[in-house]
Amino acid sequence: MANKKRPIPRVIAGIILVIELALSLFQHTVRLWDMPCQI
């Protein structure tokens, strides 16, 4: 049972990165939907 070195910080950093990417993509799509005339 050598589970003392679990990469928990890496997992948390990966989840935060995925959430930030999803939020930026969501804001991009919202901007495109709000301003369809400027495309």
Protein backbone atom coordinates (compact mmCIF):
# COMPACT_ATOMS: atom_id res chain seq x y z
CA MET A 1 0.00 0.00 0.00
CA ALA A 2 2.41 2.66 -1.23
CA ASN A 3 -0.19 5.30 -2.03
CA LYS A 4 1.66 8.11 -0.28
CA LYS A 5 2.73 9.82 -3.52
CA ARG A 6 -0.54 10.36 -5.34
CA PRO A 7 -0.48 13.11 -8.01
CA ILE A 8 -3.42 15.01 -6.54
CA PRO A 9 -2.05 18.53 -7.33
CA ARG A 10 -1.55 17.52 -10.97
CA VAL A 11 -5.14 16.29 -11.19
CA ILE A 12 -6.45 19.51 -9.61
CA ALA A 13 -4.32 21.63 -11.97
CA GLY A 14 -5.62 19.64 -14.96
CA ILE A 15 -9.23 20.09 -13.87
CA ILE A 16 -8.70 23.84 -13.38
CA LEU A 17 -7.09 24.07 -16.84
CA VAL A 18 -10.02 22.24 -18.45
CA ILE A 19 -12.53 24.49 -16.64
CA GLU A 20 -10.67 27.64 -17.77
CA LEU A 21 -10.59 26.39 -21.37
CA ALA A 22 -14.31 25.57 -21.26
CA LEU A 23 -15.15 29.01 -19.81
CA SER A 24 -13.08 30.83 -22.45
CA LEU A 25 -14.72 28.79 -25.22
CA PHE A 26 -18.17 29.46 -23.74
CA GLN A 27 -17.48 33.21 -23.64
CA HIS A 28 -16.29 33.04 -27.26
CA THR A 29 -19.49 31.33 -28.41
CA VAL A 30 -21.62 33.77 -26.40
CA ARG A 31 -19.87 36.70 -28.07
CA LEU A 32 -20.45 35.15 -31.49
CA TRP A 33 -24.13 34.59 -30.70
CA ASP A 34 -24.56 38.12 -29.28
CA MET A 35 -22.87 39.88 -32.21
CA PRO A 36 -23.69 38.00 -35.42
CA CYS A 37 -23.38 41.15 -37.54
CA GLN A 38 -19.66 41.67 -36.84
CA ILE A 39 -18.57 38.27 -38.18
